[in-house]
């Protein structure tokens, strides 16, 4: 009797803990079906510890499906490889031996990616198009020298004339 009471309370707590959704999404029958399935499989929290019924009494609810993982031999082989390559952190600093003394270990395998020749070709193309930024200005080459890269310069505002009617600068006279 006591067990059924705690199970009922747990069922109510389980349903209350479900993600907040509008009441129109699930009918009463659907909620009852979900609750009945949770009771049947033991996936309801029991007590204050937060354990489910199938964790407390696993024999009562049957075996859980086993998740395929690595075998013991695979784990041992991976650990031996990591040790050999100096990848397992040691000491209080939690640094891998490869970081401390890199000369003692073989070089790390490079990840497959873009080759050096491909990078050089892309860089050459970016320089030819003026799409490369140089310096601290964050301006591309085509912006710095538009005539060289065949980009039309941005239209300039006409220079304001000073009070005497003369152009503001000699650059304004040349149209630059």
N, C-alpha and C. Protein backbone atom coordinates (compact mmCIF):
# COMPACT_ATOMS: atom_id res chain seq x y z
N UNK A 1 0.83 -1.19 0.00
CA UNK A 1 0.00 0.00 0.00
C UNK A 1 0.86 1.25 0.00
N UNK A 2 1.86 1.25 0.85
CA UNK A 2 2.75 2.38 0.95
C UNK A 2 3.50 2.59 -0.39
N UNK A 3 3.90 1.47 -1.00
CA UNK A 3 4.62 1.53 -2.27
C UNK A 3 3.74 2.14 -3.36
N UNK A 4 2.47 1.74 -3.43
CA UNK A 4 1.55 2.26 -4.44
C UNK A 4 1.32 3.76 -4.25
N UNK A 5 1.25 4.19 -2.99
CA UNK A 5 1.05 5.61 -2.71
C UNK A 5 2.26 6.41 -3.19
N UNK A 6 3.47 5.92 -2.88
CA UNK A 6 4.66 6.65 -3.32
C UNK A 6 4.80 6.61 -4.85
N UNK A 7 4.37 5.50 -5.46
CA UNK A 7 4.40 5.40 -6.91
C UNK A 7 3.42 6.38 -7.55
N UNK A 8 2.27 6.53 -6.96
CA UNK A 8 1.28 7.48 -7.47
C UNK A 8 1.78 8.91 -7.35
N UNK A 9 2.40 9.21 -6.23
CA UNK A 9 2.95 10.55 -6.02
C UNK A 9 4.08 10.79 -7.03
N UNK A 10 4.89 9.77 -7.25
CA UNK A 10 5.97 9.90 -8.20
C UNK A 10 5.43 10.11 -9.61
N UNK A 11 4.34 9.42 -9.95
CA UNK A 11 3.74 9.58 -11.27
C UNK A 11 3.26 11.01 -11.47
N UNK A 12 2.64 11.57 -10.45
CA UNK A 12 2.18 12.95 -10.54
C UNK A 12 3.38 13.89 -10.68
N UNK A 13 4.44 13.64 -9.93
CA UNK A 13 5.63 14.47 -10.02
C UNK A 13 6.27 14.35 -11.40
N UNK A 14 6.26 13.14 -11.95
CA UNK A 14 6.85 12.92 -13.27
C UNK A 14 6.09 13.70 -14.33
N UNK A 15 4.77 13.62 -14.28
CA UNK A 15 3.96 14.32 -15.27
C UNK A 15 4.13 15.84 -15.10
N UNK A 16 4.26 16.31 -13.87
CA UNK A 16 4.43 17.73 -13.63
C UNK A 16 5.81 18.20 -14.12
N UNK A 17 6.79 17.29 -14.12
CA UNK A 17 8.14 17.65 -14.53
C UNK A 17 8.34 17.61 -16.04
N UNK A 18 7.37 17.12 -16.77
CA UNK A 18 7.48 17.08 -18.23
C UNK A 18 7.62 18.50 -18.75
N UNK A 19 8.26 18.68 -19.92
CA UNK A 19 8.43 20.04 -20.44
C UNK A 19 7.10 20.78 -20.55
N UNK A 20 7.15 22.05 -20.20
CA UNK A 20 5.92 22.85 -20.21
C UNK A 20 5.42 23.00 -21.64
N UNK A 21 4.22 22.54 -21.88
CA UNK A 21 3.59 22.67 -23.19
C UNK A 21 2.14 23.08 -22.95
N UNK A 22 1.55 23.58 -23.99
CA UNK A 22 0.15 23.97 -23.85
C UNK A 22 -0.71 22.72 -23.67
N UNK A 23 -1.83 22.87 -23.00
CA UNK A 23 -2.71 21.74 -22.71
C UNK A 23 -3.33 21.17 -23.98
N UNK A 24 -3.38 21.95 -25.05
CA UNK A 24 -3.99 21.46 -26.28
C UNK A 24 -3.12 20.44 -27.00
N UNK A 25 -1.83 20.38 -26.68
CA UNK A 25 -0.94 19.49 -27.41
C UNK A 25 -1.20 18.03 -27.10
N UNK A 26 -1.47 17.68 -25.85
CA UNK A 26 -1.71 16.28 -25.48
C UNK A 26 -3.07 16.17 -24.82
N UNK A 27 -3.76 15.14 -25.22
CA UNK A 27 -5.06 14.91 -24.59
C UNK A 27 -4.86 14.19 -23.26
N UNK A 28 -5.90 14.11 -22.50
CA UNK A 28 -5.85 13.43 -21.21
C UNK A 28 -5.48 11.96 -21.41
N UNK A 29 -6.01 11.35 -22.45
CA UNK A 29 -5.72 9.94 -22.72
C UNK A 29 -4.24 9.75 -23.06
N UNK A 30 -3.67 10.70 -23.81
CA UNK A 30 -2.25 10.59 -24.14
C UNK A 30 -1.37 10.72 -22.90
N UNK A 31 -1.72 11.65 -22.02
CA UNK A 31 -0.96 11.82 -20.78
C UNK A 31 -1.06 10.57 -19.94
N UNK A 32 -2.25 9.99 -19.85
CA UNK A 32 -2.42 8.75 -19.08
C UNK A 32 -1.60 7.63 -19.68
N UNK A 33 -1.54 7.56 -21.01
CA UNK A 33 -0.77 6.50 -21.67
C UNK A 33 0.72 6.66 -21.39
N UNK A 34 1.21 7.89 -21.45
CA UNK A 34 2.63 8.15 -21.16
C UNK A 34 2.93 7.79 -19.70
N UNK A 35 2.05 8.17 -18.80
CA UNK A 35 2.25 7.86 -17.39
C UNK A 35 2.22 6.36 -17.15
N UNK A 36 1.27 5.67 -17.78
CA UNK A 36 1.18 4.22 -17.61
C UNK A 36 2.44 3.54 -18.14
N UNK A 37 2.97 4.00 -19.24
CA UNK A 37 4.21 3.43 -19.80
C UNK A 37 5.38 3.69 -18.86
N UNK A 38 5.46 4.88 -18.28
CA UNK A 38 6.53 5.20 -17.33
C UNK A 38 6.44 4.32 -16.09
N UNK A 39 5.21 4.06 -15.62
CA UNK A 39 5.03 3.18 -14.46
C UNK A 39 5.44 1.75 -14.84
N UNK A 40 5.05 1.30 -16.01
CA UNK A 40 5.35 -0.06 -16.44
C UNK A 40 6.86 -0.29 -16.58
N UNK A 41 7.58 0.71 -17.11
CA UNK A 41 9.02 0.55 -17.32
C UNK A 41 9.85 1.00 -16.13
N UNK A 42 9.22 1.62 -15.14
CA UNK A 42 9.96 2.05 -13.95
C UNK A 42 10.72 3.34 -14.14
N UNK A 43 10.34 4.15 -15.10
CA UNK A 43 11.03 5.41 -15.36
C UNK A 43 10.42 6.58 -14.60
N UNK A 44 10.02 6.35 -13.39
CA UNK A 44 9.46 7.39 -12.54
C UNK A 44 10.39 7.64 -11.36
N UNK A 45 10.59 8.90 -10.99
CA UNK A 45 11.42 9.17 -9.81
C UNK A 45 10.72 8.68 -8.54
N UNK A 46 11.51 8.07 -7.66
CA UNK A 46 10.97 7.54 -6.40
C UNK A 46 11.79 8.14 -5.27
N UNK A 47 11.13 8.73 -4.30
CA UNK A 47 11.82 9.27 -3.14
C UNK A 47 12.48 10.61 -3.42
N UNK A 48 13.28 11.03 -2.44
CA UNK A 48 13.91 12.33 -2.52
C UNK A 48 15.25 12.32 -3.25
N UNK A 49 15.81 11.16 -3.47
CA UNK A 49 17.14 11.06 -4.07
C UNK A 49 17.15 11.27 -5.58
N UNK A 50 16.00 11.14 -6.22
CA UNK A 50 15.93 11.33 -7.66
C UNK A 50 16.19 10.06 -8.46
N UNK A 51 16.28 8.93 -7.78
CA UNK A 51 16.47 7.67 -8.48
C UNK A 51 15.13 7.21 -9.04
N UNK A 52 15.19 6.50 -10.16
CA UNK A 52 13.96 5.96 -10.73
C UNK A 52 13.69 4.59 -10.14
N UNK A 53 12.45 4.13 -10.31
CA UNK A 53 12.06 2.84 -9.75
C UNK A 53 12.88 1.70 -10.36
N UNK A 54 13.20 1.79 -11.65
CA UNK A 54 13.99 0.71 -12.24
C UNK A 54 15.45 0.75 -11.81
N UNK A 55 15.92 1.84 -11.24
CA UNK A 55 17.26 1.88 -10.66
C UNK A 55 17.27 1.25 -9.28
N UNK A 56 16.18 1.44 -8.54
CA UNK A 56 16.10 0.90 -7.19
C UNK A 56 15.84 -0.60 -7.22
N UNK A 57 14.94 -1.04 -8.07
CA UNK A 57 14.59 -2.47 -8.16
C UNK A 57 14.68 -2.93 -9.61
N UNK A 58 15.89 -3.12 -10.15
CA UNK A 58 16.03 -3.45 -11.57
C UNK A 58 15.43 -4.80 -11.94
N UNK A 59 15.43 -5.76 -11.01
CA UNK A 59 14.89 -7.08 -11.33
C UNK A 59 13.39 -7.04 -11.59
N UNK A 60 12.72 -6.11 -10.96
CA UNK A 60 11.28 -6.01 -11.09
C UNK A 60 10.87 -5.52 -12.49
N UNK A 61 11.74 -4.75 -13.13
CA UNK A 61 11.39 -4.13 -14.41
C UNK A 61 12.10 -4.75 -15.61
N UNK A 62 12.89 -5.73 -15.40
CA UNK A 62 13.57 -6.38 -16.52
C UNK A 62 14.86 -5.67 -16.88
N UNK A 63 15.61 -6.31 -17.74
CA UNK A 63 16.91 -5.77 -18.12
C UNK A 63 16.75 -4.59 -19.08
N UNK A 64 17.59 -3.62 -18.91
CA UNK A 64 17.62 -2.48 -19.82
C UNK A 64 18.42 -2.88 -21.06
N UNK A 65 18.12 -2.25 -22.18
CA UNK A 65 18.92 -2.56 -23.38
C UNK A 65 20.36 -2.10 -23.19
N UNK A 66 21.30 -2.94 -23.62
CA UNK A 66 22.71 -2.65 -23.46
C UNK A 66 23.18 -1.83 -24.67
N UNK A 67 23.88 -0.77 -24.37
CA UNK A 67 24.41 0.08 -25.42
C UNK A 67 25.75 -0.50 -25.86
N UNK A 68 25.89 -0.69 -27.17
CA UNK A 68 27.15 -1.22 -27.68
C UNK A 68 28.24 -0.18 -27.48
N UNK A 69 29.35 -0.62 -26.93
CA UNK A 69 30.49 0.27 -26.73
C UNK A 69 31.75 -0.43 -27.16
N UNK A 70 32.85 0.10 -26.74
CA UNK A 70 34.12 -0.50 -27.07
C UNK A 70 34.38 -1.71 -26.18
N UNK A 71 35.09 -2.66 -26.70
CA UNK A 71 35.45 -3.82 -25.90
C UNK A 71 36.61 -3.45 -24.99
N UNK A 72 36.88 -4.29 -24.03
CA UNK A 72 37.98 -4.06 -23.09
C UNK A 72 39.30 -3.99 -23.85
N UNK A 73 39.47 -4.86 -24.83
CA UNK A 73 40.71 -4.87 -25.62
C UNK A 73 40.88 -3.56 -26.39
N UNK A 74 39.79 -3.01 -26.93
CA UNK A 74 39.86 -1.74 -27.67
C UNK A 74 40.25 -0.60 -26.74
N UNK A 75 39.66 -0.59 -25.55
CA UNK A 75 39.98 0.46 -24.58
C UNK A 75 41.44 0.37 -24.16
N UNK A 76 41.93 -0.85 -23.90
CA UNK A 76 43.33 -1.03 -23.52
C UNK A 76 44.26 -0.60 -24.64
N UNK A 77 43.91 -0.93 -25.88
CA UNK A 77 44.75 -0.54 -27.01
C UNK A 77 44.77 0.99 -27.18
N UNK A 78 43.62 1.65 -27.01
CA UNK A 78 43.56 3.11 -27.11
C UNK A 78 44.39 3.77 -26.01
N UNK A 79 44.32 3.21 -24.80
CA UNK A 79 45.08 3.76 -23.68
C UNK A 79 46.58 3.60 -23.92
N UNK A 80 47.00 2.43 -24.41
CA UNK A 80 48.42 2.20 -24.69
C UNK A 80 48.92 3.15 -25.77
N UNK A 81 48.12 3.36 -26.81
CA UNK A 81 48.50 4.28 -27.88
C UNK A 81 48.64 5.70 -27.34
N UNK A 82 47.69 6.14 -26.50
CA UNK A 82 47.73 7.49 -25.94
C UNK A 82 48.95 7.65 -25.04
N UNK A 83 49.29 6.62 -24.27
CA UNK A 83 50.47 6.67 -23.42
C UNK A 83 51.74 6.77 -24.26
N UNK A 84 51.81 5.96 -25.33
CA UNK A 84 52.97 5.94 -26.20
C UNK A 84 53.17 7.31 -26.88
N UNK A 85 52.07 7.98 -27.22
CA UNK A 85 52.15 9.27 -27.89
C UNK A 85 52.20 10.46 -26.92
N UNK A 86 52.16 10.17 -25.61
CA UNK A 86 52.25 11.23 -24.62
C UNK A 86 51.03 12.11 -24.53
N UNK A 87 49.85 11.54 -24.71
CA UNK A 87 48.62 12.32 -24.73
C UNK A 87 47.85 12.29 -23.42
N UNK A 88 48.26 11.48 -22.46
CA UNK A 88 47.53 11.37 -21.19
C UNK A 88 48.11 12.37 -20.20
N UNK A 89 47.31 13.34 -19.73
CA UNK A 89 47.81 14.36 -18.80
C UNK A 89 48.31 13.74 -17.50
N UNK A 90 49.38 14.33 -16.95
CA UNK A 90 49.98 13.85 -15.70
C UNK A 90 50.30 15.03 -14.81
N UNK A 91 50.45 14.76 -13.54
CA UNK A 91 50.91 15.77 -12.59
C UNK A 91 49.84 16.77 -12.20
N UNK A 92 50.26 17.68 -11.34
CA UNK A 92 49.33 18.67 -10.81
C UNK A 92 48.91 19.70 -11.85
N UNK A 93 49.75 19.92 -12.84
CA UNK A 93 49.43 20.91 -13.86
C UNK A 93 48.48 20.36 -14.91
N UNK A 94 48.25 19.05 -14.88
CA UNK A 94 47.33 18.40 -15.80
C UNK A 94 47.72 18.69 -17.25
N UNK A 95 49.04 18.57 -17.49
CA UNK A 95 49.55 18.75 -18.85
C UNK A 95 50.03 17.42 -19.38
N UNK A 96 49.86 17.22 -20.67
CA UNK A 96 50.30 15.98 -21.31
C UNK A 96 51.82 16.01 -21.47
N UNK A 97 52.47 14.85 -21.36
CA UNK A 97 53.92 14.81 -21.55
C UNK A 97 54.35 15.37 -22.91
N UNK A 98 53.51 15.23 -23.92
CA UNK A 98 53.82 15.77 -25.25
C UNK A 98 53.98 17.28 -25.19
N UNK A 99 53.22 17.94 -24.32
CA UNK A 99 53.33 19.39 -24.17
C UNK A 99 54.58 19.77 -23.41
N UNK A 100 54.96 18.94 -22.43
CA UNK A 100 56.10 19.26 -21.58
C UNK A 100 57.42 19.02 -22.33
N UNK A 101 57.55 17.86 -22.95
CA UNK A 101 58.76 17.51 -23.70
C UNK A 101 58.38 16.99 -25.08
N UNK A 102 58.09 17.87 -26.01
CA UNK A 102 57.62 17.44 -27.33
C UNK A 102 58.65 16.65 -28.13
N UNK A 103 59.93 16.82 -27.85
CA UNK A 103 60.96 16.12 -28.59
C UNK A 103 61.00 14.62 -28.34
N UNK A 104 60.43 14.16 -27.25
CA UNK A 104 60.46 12.72 -26.92
C UNK A 104 59.42 11.91 -27.66
N UNK A 105 58.48 12.58 -28.31
CA UNK A 105 57.36 11.87 -28.93
C UNK A 105 57.32 12.14 -30.43
N UNK A 106 56.79 11.19 -31.18
CA UNK A 106 56.70 11.40 -32.64
C UNK A 106 55.76 12.56 -32.94
N UNK A 107 56.00 13.23 -34.07
CA UNK A 107 55.12 14.36 -34.41
C UNK A 107 53.68 13.89 -34.60
N UNK A 108 52.76 14.75 -34.22
CA UNK A 108 51.34 14.43 -34.35
C UNK A 108 50.97 14.38 -35.83
N UNK A 109 50.09 13.49 -36.16
CA UNK A 109 49.65 13.37 -37.55
C UNK A 109 48.86 14.62 -37.93
N UNK A 110 49.18 15.15 -39.09
CA UNK A 110 48.47 16.33 -39.56
C UNK A 110 47.10 15.93 -40.07
N UNK A 111 46.14 16.74 -39.75
CA UNK A 111 44.78 16.47 -40.20
C UNK A 111 44.70 16.70 -41.71
N UNK A 112 43.97 15.85 -42.41
CA UNK A 112 43.86 16.08 -43.85
C UNK A 112 43.12 17.39 -44.10
N UNK A 113 43.64 18.15 -45.01
CA UNK A 113 43.02 19.44 -45.28
C UNK A 113 43.55 20.00 -46.58
N UNK A 114 43.72 21.29 -46.59
CA UNK A 114 44.16 21.99 -47.78
C UNK A 114 45.69 21.87 -47.86
N UNK A 115 46.19 21.58 -49.04
CA UNK A 115 47.64 21.44 -49.21
C UNK A 115 48.29 22.81 -49.29
N UNK A 116 49.60 22.81 -49.15
CA UNK A 116 50.36 24.05 -49.22
C UNK A 116 50.22 24.69 -50.59
N UNK A 117 50.24 23.88 -51.63
CA UNK A 117 50.11 24.41 -52.99
C UNK A 117 48.75 25.08 -53.18
N UNK A 118 47.69 24.49 -52.62
CA UNK A 118 46.36 25.09 -52.75
C UNK A 118 46.29 26.43 -52.01
N UNK A 119 46.92 26.50 -50.85
CA UNK A 119 46.92 27.76 -50.08
C UNK A 119 47.68 28.83 -50.85
N UNK A 120 48.84 28.46 -51.43
CA UNK A 120 49.61 29.43 -52.21
C UNK A 120 48.82 29.93 -53.41
N UNK A 121 48.11 29.02 -54.09
CA UNK A 121 47.31 29.42 -55.26
C UNK A 121 46.19 30.37 -54.85
N UNK A 122 45.53 30.08 -53.73
CA UNK A 122 44.45 30.96 -53.25
C UNK A 122 45.00 32.33 -52.88
N UNK A 123 46.17 32.36 -52.25
CA UNK A 123 46.78 33.64 -51.87
C UNK A 123 47.15 34.44 -53.11
N UNK A 124 47.76 33.78 -54.11
CA UNK A 124 48.11 34.46 -55.35
C UNK A 124 46.87 35.06 -56.01
N UNK A 125 45.80 34.30 -56.06
CA UNK A 125 44.55 34.78 -56.67
C UNK A 125 43.98 35.98 -55.90
N UNK A 126 44.04 35.91 -54.56
CA UNK A 126 43.54 37.03 -53.75
C UNK A 126 44.36 38.29 -53.99
N UNK A 127 45.67 38.14 -54.17
CA UNK A 127 46.52 39.31 -54.43
C UNK A 127 46.19 39.89 -55.80
N UNK A 128 46.01 39.04 -56.81
CA UNK A 128 45.70 39.52 -58.16
C UNK A 128 44.36 40.24 -58.20
N UNK A 129 43.40 39.80 -57.40
CA UNK A 129 42.08 40.43 -57.39
C UNK A 129 42.02 41.62 -56.45
N UNK A 130 43.04 41.78 -55.61
CA UNK A 130 43.04 42.87 -54.65
C UNK A 130 42.17 42.60 -53.45
N UNK A 131 41.90 41.33 -53.18
CA UNK A 131 41.03 40.97 -52.07
C UNK A 131 41.81 40.65 -50.81
N UNK A 132 43.07 41.02 -50.74
CA UNK A 132 43.92 40.73 -49.60
C UNK A 132 44.09 41.98 -48.78
N UNK A 133 43.96 41.88 -47.48
CA UNK A 133 44.16 43.02 -46.60
C UNK A 133 45.61 43.05 -46.15
N UNK A 134 46.18 44.24 -46.16
CA UNK A 134 47.56 44.40 -45.73
C UNK A 134 47.61 45.53 -44.72
N UNK A 135 48.35 45.31 -43.67
CA UNK A 135 48.52 46.33 -42.66
C UNK A 135 47.41 46.34 -41.64
N UNK A 136 47.41 47.38 -40.83
CA UNK A 136 46.45 47.47 -39.74
C UNK A 136 45.14 48.12 -40.15
N UNK A 137 45.04 48.62 -41.35
CA UNK A 137 43.89 49.39 -41.76
C UNK A 137 42.65 48.59 -42.10
N UNK A 138 42.73 47.28 -42.21
CA UNK A 138 41.59 46.44 -42.58
C UNK A 138 41.00 46.85 -43.93
N UNK A 139 41.80 47.47 -44.76
CA UNK A 139 41.35 47.81 -46.10
C UNK A 139 42.02 46.87 -47.07
N UNK A 140 41.26 46.38 -48.04
CA UNK A 140 41.82 45.49 -49.04
C UNK A 140 42.66 46.27 -50.03
N UNK A 141 43.51 45.54 -50.75
CA UNK A 141 44.38 46.18 -51.75
C UNK A 141 43.56 46.95 -52.78
N UNK A 142 42.44 46.39 -53.20
CA UNK A 142 41.61 47.05 -54.20
C UNK A 142 41.05 48.36 -53.68
N UNK A 143 40.82 48.46 -52.39
CA UNK A 143 40.34 49.73 -51.82
C UNK A 143 41.47 50.74 -51.72
N UNK A 144 42.68 50.27 -51.45
CA UNK A 144 43.82 51.16 -51.29
C UNK A 144 44.31 51.69 -52.64
N UNK A 145 44.23 50.87 -53.69
CA UNK A 145 44.71 51.27 -55.00
C UNK A 145 43.71 50.80 -56.06
N UNK A 146 42.58 51.49 -56.20
CA UNK A 146 41.52 51.01 -57.08
C UNK A 146 41.89 50.97 -58.56
N UNK A 147 42.76 51.88 -59.02
CA UNK A 147 43.12 51.91 -60.44
C UNK A 147 43.89 50.65 -60.83
N UNK A 148 44.72 50.16 -59.95
CA UNK A 148 45.54 48.99 -60.26
C UNK A 148 44.70 47.73 -60.41
N UNK A 149 43.63 47.63 -59.66
CA UNK A 149 42.81 46.43 -59.66
C UNK A 149 41.54 46.58 -60.49
N UNK A 150 41.42 47.66 -61.23
CA UNK A 150 40.28 47.83 -62.12
C UNK A 150 38.97 48.09 -61.41
N UNK A 151 39.06 48.63 -60.22
CA UNK A 151 37.86 48.95 -59.46
C UNK A 151 37.64 50.45 -59.58
N UNK A 152 36.43 50.83 -59.90
CA UNK A 152 36.13 52.26 -60.01
C UNK A 152 36.23 52.90 -58.64
N UNK A 153 36.94 54.01 -58.55
CA UNK A 153 37.04 54.67 -57.25
C UNK A 153 35.68 55.20 -56.82
N UNK A 154 35.51 55.29 -55.55
CA UNK A 154 34.25 55.80 -55.00
C UNK A 154 34.12 57.26 -55.37
N UNK A 155 32.91 57.69 -55.73
CA UNK A 155 32.74 59.11 -56.11
C UNK A 155 33.05 60.01 -54.92
N UNK A 156 33.73 61.09 -55.26
CA UNK A 156 34.11 62.02 -54.19
C UNK A 156 33.14 63.19 -54.16
N UNK A 157 32.97 63.70 -53.01
CA UNK A 157 32.13 64.87 -52.83
C UNK A 157 32.92 66.08 -53.32
N UNK A 158 32.27 67.04 -53.99
CA UNK A 158 33.00 68.23 -54.42
C UNK A 158 33.53 68.98 -53.21
N UNK A 159 34.71 69.52 -53.39
CA UNK A 159 35.34 70.24 -52.29
C UNK A 159 34.58 71.52 -52.02
N UNK A 160 34.48 71.83 -50.75
CA UNK A 160 33.82 73.08 -50.38
C UNK A 160 34.77 74.23 -50.65
N UNK A 161 34.21 75.27 -51.11
CA UNK A 161 35.04 76.44 -51.39
C UNK A 161 35.15 77.28 -50.13
N UNK A 162 36.33 77.81 -49.96
CA UNK A 162 36.51 78.68 -48.80
C UNK A 162 35.87 80.03 -49.11
N UNK A 163 35.87 80.88 -48.16
CA UNK A 163 35.17 82.16 -48.27
C UNK A 163 35.58 82.98 -49.48
N UNK A 164 36.83 82.91 -49.97
CA UNK A 164 37.29 83.74 -51.08
C UNK A 164 36.92 83.15 -52.43
N UNK A 165 36.24 82.05 -52.52
CA UNK A 165 35.85 81.48 -53.78
C UNK A 165 36.91 80.56 -54.37
N UNK A 166 38.06 80.44 -53.74
CA UNK A 166 39.13 79.57 -54.24
C UNK A 166 38.89 78.15 -53.73
N UNK A 167 39.35 77.13 -54.47
CA UNK A 167 39.19 75.75 -54.01
C UNK A 167 39.92 75.55 -52.68
N UNK A 168 39.44 74.57 -51.91
CA UNK A 168 40.00 74.33 -50.58
C UNK A 168 41.42 73.80 -50.66
N UNK A 169 41.77 73.05 -51.72
CA UNK A 169 43.13 72.52 -51.80
C UNK A 169 43.49 72.31 -53.26
N UNK A 170 44.76 72.05 -53.50
CA UNK A 170 45.21 71.79 -54.86
C UNK A 170 44.70 70.43 -55.34
N UNK A 171 44.47 69.50 -54.42
CA UNK A 171 43.95 68.17 -54.77
C UNK A 171 42.52 68.31 -55.32
N UNK A 172 41.79 69.28 -54.82
CA UNK A 172 40.43 69.50 -55.30
C UNK A 172 40.46 70.04 -56.73
N UNK A 173 41.50 70.81 -57.05
CA UNK A 173 41.63 71.32 -58.41
C UNK A 173 41.89 70.21 -59.41
N UNK A 174 42.68 69.22 -59.00
CA UNK A 174 43.02 68.11 -59.89
C UNK A 174 41.88 67.10 -59.99
N UNK A 175 40.87 67.20 -59.11
CA UNK A 175 39.74 66.28 -59.14
C UNK A 175 40.03 64.99 -58.37
N UNK A 176 40.93 65.06 -57.44
CA UNK A 176 41.26 63.85 -56.66
C UNK A 176 40.51 63.84 -55.37
